[in-house]
Protein backbone atom coordinates (compact mmCIF):
# COMPACT_ATOMS: atom_id res chain seq x y z
CA UNK A 1 -0.79 -29.34 -4.40
CA UNK A 2 -1.59 -25.66 -4.97
CA UNK A 3 -1.22 -23.03 -2.32
CA UNK A 4 -4.46 -21.79 -0.74
CA UNK A 5 -3.95 -18.24 -2.02
CA UNK A 6 -3.45 -19.51 -5.57
CA UNK A 7 -6.56 -21.68 -5.35
CA UNK A 8 -8.52 -18.64 -4.11
CA UNK A 9 -7.36 -16.68 -7.17
CA UNK A 10 -5.48 -13.92 -5.34
CA UNK A 11 -1.86 -12.79 -5.54
CA UNK A 12 0.69 -13.60 -2.87
CA UNK A 13 0.98 -9.92 -1.94
CA UNK A 14 -2.79 -9.68 -1.41
CA UNK A 15 -2.73 -12.89 0.65
CA UNK A 16 0.04 -11.54 2.91
CA UNK A 17 -1.82 -8.24 3.29
CA UNK A 18 -5.01 -9.98 4.41
CA UNK A 19 -3.15 -12.34 6.73
CA UNK A 20 -1.18 -9.55 8.40
CA UNK A 21 -4.34 -7.47 8.87
CA UNK A 22 -6.05 -10.44 10.56
CA UNK A 23 -3.09 -10.97 12.89
CA UNK A 24 -2.93 -7.25 13.81
CA UNK A 25 -6.65 -7.15 14.59
CA UNK A 26 -6.35 -10.18 16.87
CA UNK A 27 -3.79 -8.51 19.15
CA UNK A 28 -4.60 -6.77 22.42
CA UNK A 29 -5.10 -3.01 22.18
CA UNK A 30 -1.60 -1.89 23.21
CA UNK A 31 0.24 -4.33 20.95
CA UNK A 32 -2.27 -3.81 18.10
CA UNK A 33 -1.61 -0.06 17.95
CA UNK A 34 2.16 -0.61 17.78
CA UNK A 35 1.73 -3.28 15.07
CA UNK A 36 -0.57 -1.08 12.99
CA UNK A 37 2.01 1.71 13.02
CA UNK A 38 4.63 -0.71 11.67
CA UNK A 39 2.21 -1.86 8.98
CA UNK A 40 1.77 1.60 7.46
CA UNK A 41 3.78 2.48 4.41
CA UNK A 42 4.35 5.69 2.56
CA UNK A 43 5.37 5.60 -1.08
CA UNK A 44 6.98 8.64 -2.66
CA UNK A 45 8.41 9.28 -6.09
CA UNK A 46 10.18 11.95 -8.09
CA UNK A 47 10.42 12.48 -11.82
CA UNK A 48 13.94 12.94 -13.17
CA UNK A 49 14.61 15.14 -16.20
CA UNK A 50 18.00 16.01 -17.68
CA UNK A 51 19.81 14.42 -14.73
CA UNK A 52 17.97 16.50 -12.11
CA UNK A 53 15.45 15.26 -9.61
CA UNK A 54 12.05 16.93 -9.69
CA UNK A 55 9.66 17.49 -6.83
CA UNK A 56 9.16 14.51 -4.49
CA UNK A 57 5.48 13.58 -4.33
CA UNK A 58 3.41 11.19 -2.26
CA UNK A 59 2.03 8.44 -4.51
CA UNK A 60 -1.41 8.39 -2.84
CA UNK A 61 -1.84 12.15 -3.27
CA UNK A 62 -0.61 12.04 -6.88
CA UNK A 63 -3.04 9.22 -7.74
CA UNK A 64 -5.95 11.10 -6.17
CA UNK A 65 -5.07 14.24 -8.13
CA UNK A 66 -4.78 12.28 -11.38
CA UNK A 67 -8.14 10.59 -10.77
CA UNK A 68 -9.80 13.94 -10.06
CA UNK A 69 -8.29 15.43 -13.20
CA UNK A 70 -9.39 12.51 -15.39
CA UNK A 71 -12.91 12.59 -13.90
CA UNK A 72 -13.28 16.29 -14.72
CA UNK A 73 -12.12 15.77 -18.34
């Protein structure tokens, strides 16, 4: 028997994301705010060249800048 998320054609990560969002929204206001703060994530990266770490950048900001640059080209 297939899992429901597989039958729906979505990945496990997407399934967990949707399920956790539903649970957070069902909580009372005080608990919901605390749960939403725990659910936030911030992804950062740095490019390494010649054994030295470059500038640390936020992935969301870097993607937005790359999209803007490709749209203007």
